[in-house]
Amino acid sequence: MKTSKRIQAAGCAVVVAAASLMLAGCGEKSQDLAAAKTGRYQGKADSQPWDNDPGAFAAGNFTKGDRAGWEKALATRAQAQNEYGRAQ
C-alpha cells in the first residue's frame, strides 16, 4: 500500500513538472526586429580603418587617412607575431 502511494506521488510530480514546462513555453516574447523589416541598417555607419585615429595602442606609425601607412603598420605587426622569425 505504501508503494502505490509513492508511485502515485511520483506520477503526480511528473504531471506537475510537465505542466509547468508547457506553461513556460507560452511566455516567450517575439524576437522580430523592426529594423530588419524595413531592410535598412539603422546603426552607426562604419568608416574605413585607416580613417581612424591611431590611438594609444597603435601597431605602428601612421597618420589618420594614410592607407599605405596603415597597411605597412599591419604588415609590421604581423611580422612581429611570426613565430618563425622570432625563433631564429
Protein backbone atom coordinates (compact mmCIF):
# COMPACT_ATOMS: atom_id res chain seq x y z
CA MET A 1 0.00 0.00 0.00
CA LYS A 2 2.84 2.40 0.73
CA THR A 3 4.40 1.56 -2.62
CA SER A 4 1.30 2.55 -4.54
CA LYS A 5 1.20 5.91 -2.73
CA ARG A 6 4.86 6.51 -3.68
CA ILE A 7 4.13 5.67 -7.31
CA GLN A 8 1.08 7.90 -7.20
CA ALA A 9 3.12 10.77 -5.69
CA ALA A 10 5.88 10.33 -8.30
CA GLY A 11 3.31 10.32 -11.10
CA CYS A 12 1.76 13.48 -9.72
CA ALA A 13 5.19 15.15 -9.58
CA VAL A 14 5.82 14.20 -13.22
CA VAL A 15 2.47 15.65 -14.29
CA VAL A 16 3.14 18.90 -12.40
CA ALA A 17 6.63 19.19 -13.91
CA ALA A 18 5.31 18.59 -17.44
CA ALA A 19 2.55 21.15 -16.97
CA SER A 20 4.99 23.78 -15.73
CA LEU A 21 7.28 23.19 -18.73
CA MET A 22 4.36 23.58 -21.13
CA LEU A 23 3.27 26.80 -19.47
CA ALA A 24 6.83 28.18 -19.55
CA GLY A 25 6.83 27.95 -23.35
CA CYS A 26 3.75 30.18 -23.57
CA GLY A 27 5.59 33.16 -22.11
CA GLU A 28 8.15 33.54 -24.91
CA LYS A 29 8.26 37.00 -26.44
CA SER A 30 8.62 37.72 -30.14
CA GLN A 31 12.21 38.30 -31.29
CA ASP A 32 11.46 40.18 -34.52
CA LEU A 33 13.46 43.31 -35.19
CA ALA A 34 11.73 46.37 -36.59
CA ALA A 35 14.92 47.39 -38.43
CA ALA A 36 15.08 44.05 -40.21
CA LYS A 37 11.58 44.54 -41.55
CA THR A 38 12.48 47.87 -43.16
CA GLY A 39 15.52 46.33 -44.84
CA ARG A 40 17.86 49.13 -43.81
CA TYR A 41 20.62 49.22 -41.21
CA GLN A 42 19.79 51.97 -38.74
CA GLY A 43 23.01 51.96 -36.74
CA LYS A 44 26.21 53.97 -36.96
CA ALA A 45 27.89 53.95 -40.36
CA ASP A 46 31.33 52.34 -40.42
CA SER A 47 34.36 54.24 -41.61
CA GLN A 48 37.48 52.89 -43.25
CA PRO A 49 40.02 51.54 -40.72
CA TRP A 50 42.76 53.93 -41.89
CA ASP A 51 40.46 56.93 -41.31
CA ASN A 52 40.52 56.37 -37.54
CA ASP A 53 42.98 57.91 -35.11
CA PRO A 54 45.95 55.61 -34.35
CA GLY A 55 45.28 55.84 -30.60
CA ALA A 56 47.41 54.67 -27.70
CA PHE A 57 47.56 51.04 -28.86
CA ALA A 58 48.57 51.69 -32.48
CA ALA A 59 50.51 48.97 -34.27
CA GLY A 60 52.98 51.37 -35.86
CA ASN A 61 53.31 54.91 -37.04
CA PHE A 62 50.61 56.02 -39.43
CA THR A 63 48.55 59.14 -39.70
CA LYS A 64 44.79 59.40 -39.98
CA GLY A 65 43.71 58.84 -43.59
CA ASP A 66 47.02 57.26 -44.72
CA ARG A 67 46.03 53.90 -46.19
CA ALA A 68 49.56 52.88 -47.24
CA GLY A 69 50.93 53.71 -43.77
CA TRP A 70 48.12 51.75 -42.12
CA GLU A 71 48.79 48.69 -44.31
CA LYS A 72 52.52 48.93 -43.57
CA ALA A 73 51.78 49.11 -39.83
CA LEU A 74 49.66 45.95 -40.10
CA ALA A 75 52.38 44.14 -42.04
CA THR A 76 54.95 45.13 -39.40
CA ARG A 77 52.66 43.89 -36.66
CA ALA A 78 52.10 40.59 -38.46
CA GLN A 79 55.84 40.05 -38.81
CA ALA A 80 56.34 40.73 -35.11
CA GLN A 81 53.84 37.96 -34.34
CA ASN A 82 55.51 35.47 -36.68
CA GLU A 83 56.93 32.64 -34.54
CA TYR A 84 59.31 31.51 -37.28
CA GLY A 85 61.08 34.86 -37.37
CA ARG A 86 61.21 35.12 -33.59
CA ALA A 87 62.65 31.61 -33.13
CA GLN A 88 65.78 32.26 -35.16
